[in-house]
Amino acid sequence: QVQLVESGGGLVQPGGSLRLSCAASGITFSDYAMSWYRQGPGKERELVATIWRAGVSRNYADSVKGRFTISRDNAKNTVYLQMNTLKPEDTAVYYCNARLSYMEYWGKGTLVTVSS
């Protein structure tokens, strides 16, 4: 059974930082591209960042470039999202995604609220 479990969300003030984690089980983690998506209030789900298998190649949405960093630890089956200089518009439920060819899995999400 595949499980992706996100953690690390919470309430943070504008300009603050959070680090999200996603622990995977039931898959050969190192074979999968890992991504973070988010869905803000009244918005569609959007891709935030992707990291490929070896962790060398990464892509980011323009809205988070220079502020967010995606990384992975294949030994721990975990992907991370370091979020710095957070803005109110970063408020969303953040979802972990694992993808390999036609196989795709999602976590249940963790809520990030950026507010003073």
C-alpha atoms as a PDB file:
ATOM      1  CA  GLN A   1       0.000   0.000   0.000  1.00  0.00           C
ATOM      2  CA  VAL A   2       1.429   3.340  -1.077  1.00  0.00           C
ATOM      3  CA  GLN A   3       1.432   6.150   1.453  1.00  0.00           C
ATOM      4  CA  LEU A   4       2.646   9.719   1.174  1.00  0.00           C
ATOM      5  CA  VAL A   5       2.440  11.549   4.490  1.00  0.00           C
ATOM      6  CA  GLU A   6       3.067  15.279   4.630  1.00  0.00           C
ATOM      7  CA  SER A   7       4.057  17.171   7.765  1.00  0.00           C
ATOM      8  CA  GLY A   8       5.415  20.545   8.807  1.00  0.00           C
ATOM      9  CA  GLY A   9       2.537  22.840   7.954  1.00  0.00           C
ATOM     10  CA  GLY A  10       1.215  25.478  10.312  1.00  0.00           C
ATOM     11  CA  LEU A  11       0.703  29.161  10.926  1.00  0.00           C
ATOM     12  CA  VAL A  12       3.586  31.512  10.153  1.00  0.00           C
ATOM     13  CA  GLN A  13       3.931  35.274   9.881  1.00  0.00           C
ATOM     14  CA  PRO A  14       4.758  36.956   6.566  1.00  0.00           C
ATOM     15  CA  GLY A  15       8.484  36.807   5.958  1.00  0.00           C
ATOM     16  CA  GLY A  16       8.825  33.624   7.988  1.00  0.00           C
ATOM     17  CA  SER A  17       9.946  30.138   7.042  1.00  0.00           C
ATOM     18  CA  LEU A  18       8.602  26.608   7.158  1.00  0.00           C
ATOM     19  CA  ARG A  19       9.956  23.258   6.106  1.00  0.00           C
ATOM     20  CA  LEU A  20       7.549  20.666   4.797  1.00  0.00           C
ATOM     21  CA  SER A  21       8.353  16.962   4.716  1.00  0.00           C
ATOM     22  CA  CYS A  22       6.749  14.098   2.833  1.00  0.00           C
ATOM     23  CA  ALA A  23       7.553  10.554   3.889  1.00  0.00           C
ATOM     24  CA  ALA A  24       6.847   7.864   1.301  1.00  0.00           C
ATOM     25  CA  SER A  25       6.263   4.160   1.768  1.00  0.00           C
ATOM     26  CA  GLY A  26       5.158   1.339  -0.502  1.00  0.00           C
ATOM     27  CA  ILE A  27       7.125   2.578  -3.511  1.00  0.00           C
ATOM     28  CA  THR A  28      10.730   2.406  -4.692  1.00  0.00           C
ATOM     29  CA  PHE A  29      11.194   6.037  -3.795  1.00  0.00           C
ATOM     30  CA  SER A  30      14.357   6.666  -5.793  1.00  0.00           C
ATOM     31  CA  ASP A  31      12.541   5.708  -9.029  1.00  0.00           C
ATOM     32  CA  TYR A  32       9.932   8.436  -8.676  1.00  0.00           C
ATOM     33  CA  ALA A  33       9.890  12.101  -9.569  1.00  0.00           C
ATOM     34  CA  MET A  34       8.595  13.944  -6.514  1.00  0.00           C
ATOM     35  CA  SER A  35       6.621  17.152  -6.578  1.00  0.00           C
ATOM     36  CA  TRP A  36       4.875  19.572  -4.285  1.00  0.00           C
ATOM     37  CA  TYR A  37       1.554  21.051  -5.347  1.00  0.00           C
ATOM     38  CA  ARG A  38      -0.637  23.537  -3.530  1.00  0.00           C
ATOM     39  CA  GLN A  39      -4.236  24.636  -3.569  1.00  0.00           C
ATOM     40  CA  GLY A  40      -5.134  27.998  -2.101  1.00  0.00           C
ATOM     41  CA  PRO A  41      -8.606  29.147  -1.048  1.00  0.00           C
ATOM     42  CA  GLY A  42     -10.819  29.386  -4.113  1.00  0.00           C
ATOM     43  CA  LYS A  43      -7.961  28.436  -6.417  1.00  0.00           C
ATOM     44  CA  GLU A  44      -7.058  25.451  -8.549  1.00  0.00           C
ATOM     45  CA  ARG A  45      -4.284  23.109  -7.547  1.00  0.00           C
ATOM     46  CA  GLU A  46      -0.947  24.278  -8.940  1.00  0.00           C
ATOM     47  CA  LEU A  47       2.492  22.757  -9.289  1.00  0.00           C
ATOM     48  CA  VAL A  48       5.023  24.341  -6.934  1.00  0.00           C
ATOM     49  CA  ALA A  49       8.216  22.349  -7.461  1.00  0.00           C
ATOM     50  CA  THR A  50       9.523  19.059  -8.861  1.00  0.00           C
ATOM     51  CA  ILE A  51      12.706  17.132  -8.186  1.00  0.00           C
ATOM     52  CA  TRP A  52      13.791  14.249 -10.366  1.00  0.00           C
ATOM     53  CA  ARG A  53      15.106  10.905  -9.249  1.00  0.00           C
ATOM     54  CA  ALA A  54      18.749  11.656  -8.515  1.00  0.00           C
ATOM     55  CA  GLY A  55      17.901  15.055  -7.097  1.00  0.00           C
ATOM     56  CA  VAL A  56      20.030  16.982  -9.566  1.00  0.00           C
ATOM     57  CA  SER A  57      17.256  18.415 -11.737  1.00  0.00           C
ATOM     58  CA  ARG A  58      14.633  20.635 -10.134  1.00  0.00           C
ATOM     59  CA  ASN A  59      11.898  22.905 -11.449  1.00  0.00           C
ATOM     60  CA  TYR A  60       9.971  25.648  -9.693  1.00  0.00           C
ATOM     61  CA  ALA A  61       6.895  27.724 -10.330  1.00  0.00           C
ATOM     62  CA  ASP A  62       7.808  31.328 -11.108  1.00  0.00           C
ATOM     63  CA  SER A  63       5.903  32.469  -8.018  1.00  0.00           C
ATOM     64  CA  VAL A  64       8.257  30.616  -5.652  1.00  0.00           C
ATOM     65  CA  LYS A  65      11.630  30.802  -7.447  1.00  0.00           C
ATOM     66  CA  GLY A  66      14.336  32.110  -5.152  1.00  0.00           C
ATOM     67  CA  ARG A  67      12.203  31.536  -2.035  1.00  0.00           C
ATOM     68  CA  PHE A  68      11.432  27.791  -2.009  1.00  0.00           C
ATOM     69  CA  THR A  69      13.851  24.866  -2.289  1.00  0.00           C
ATOM     70  CA  ILE A  70      12.860  21.267  -2.979  1.00  0.00           C
ATOM     71  CA  SER A  71      15.192  18.467  -1.932  1.00  0.00           C
ATOM     72  CA  ARG A  72      15.072  14.732  -1.365  1.00  0.00           C
ATOM     73  CA  ASP A  73      16.778  12.097   0.731  1.00  0.00           C
ATOM     74  CA  ASN A  74      16.461   8.791  -1.075  1.00  0.00           C
ATOM     75  CA  ALA A  75      17.878   6.923   1.927  1.00  0.00           C
ATOM     76  CA  LYS A  76      15.016   8.223   4.062  1.00  0.00           C
ATOM     77  CA  ASN A  77      12.322   8.043   1.357  1.00  0.00           C
ATOM     78  CA  THR A  78      11.542  11.673   2.073  1.00  0.00           C
ATOM     79  CA  VAL A  79      11.111  14.828   0.034  1.00  0.00           C
ATOM     80  CA  TYR A  80      11.290  18.301   1.556  1.00  0.00           C
ATOM     81  CA  LEU A  81      10.144  21.785   0.698  1.00  0.00           C
ATOM     82  CA  GLN A  82      12.008  24.596   2.408  1.00  0.00           C
ATOM     83  CA  MET A  83       9.882  27.732   2.198  1.00  0.00           C
ATOM     84  CA  ASN A  84      11.442  31.089   3.013  1.00  0.00           C
ATOM     85  CA  THR A  85      10.189  34.667   2.847  1.00  0.00           C
ATOM     86  CA  LEU A  86       6.627  33.422   2.989  1.00  0.00           C
ATOM     87  CA  LYS A  87       3.831  35.649   1.729  1.00  0.00           C
ATOM     88  CA  PRO A  88       0.094  35.635   2.486  1.00  0.00           C
ATOM     89  CA  GLU A  89      -0.504  34.384  -1.057  1.00  0.00           C
ATOM     90  CA  ASP A  90       1.460  31.234  -0.195  1.00  0.00           C
ATOM     91  CA  THR A  91      -1.427  30.213   2.062  1.00  0.00           C
ATOM     92  CA  ALA A  92      -2.655  26.855   0.797  1.00  0.00           C
ATOM     93  CA  VAL A  93      -2.902  23.155   1.398  1.00  0.00           C
ATOM     94  CA  TYR A  94       0.369  21.659   0.184  1.00  0.00           C
ATOM     95  CA  TYR A  95       0.295  18.202  -1.376  1.00  0.00           C
ATOM     96  CA  CYS A  96       3.076  15.732  -2.030  1.00  0.00           C
ATOM     97  CA  ASN A  97       3.024  13.882  -5.371  1.00  0.00           C
ATOM     98  CA  ALA A  98       4.992  10.877  -6.599  1.00  0.00           C
ATOM     99  CA  ARG A  99       5.061  10.086 -10.308  1.00  0.00           C
ATOM    100  CA  LEU A 100       6.623   7.362 -12.430  1.00  0.00           C
ATOM    101  CA  SER A 101       5.311   7.024 -15.966  1.00  0.00           C
ATOM    102  CA  TYR A 102       1.563   6.398 -15.660  1.00  0.00           C
ATOM    103  CA  MET A 103       1.710   5.721 -11.910  1.00  0.00           C
ATOM    104  CA  GLU A 104       0.901   8.669  -9.691  1.00  0.00           C
ATOM    105  CA  TYR A 105       0.221   8.975  -5.982  1.00  0.00           C
ATOM    106  CA  TRP A 106      -0.878  11.814  -3.724  1.00  0.00           C
ATOM    107  CA  GLY A 107      -0.655  12.643  -0.070  1.00  0.00           C
ATOM    108  CA  LYS A 108      -3.560  14.112   1.886  1.00  0.00           C
ATOM    109  CA  GLY A 109      -1.954  17.502   2.284  1.00  0.00           C
ATOM    110  CA  THR A 110      -0.741  19.819   5.003  1.00  0.00           C
ATOM    111  CA  LEU A 111      -2.112  23.308   5.599  1.00  0.00           C
ATOM    112  CA  VAL A 112       0.184  26.329   5.487  1.00  0.00           C
ATOM    113  CA  THR A 113      -1.275  29.636   6.650  1.00  0.00           C
ATOM    114  CA  VAL A 114       0.727  32.832   6.262  1.00  0.00           C
ATOM    115  CA  SER A 115      -0.832  35.588   8.306  1.00  0.00           C
ATOM    116  CA  SER A 116       0.011  38.224  10.856  1.00  0.00           C
END
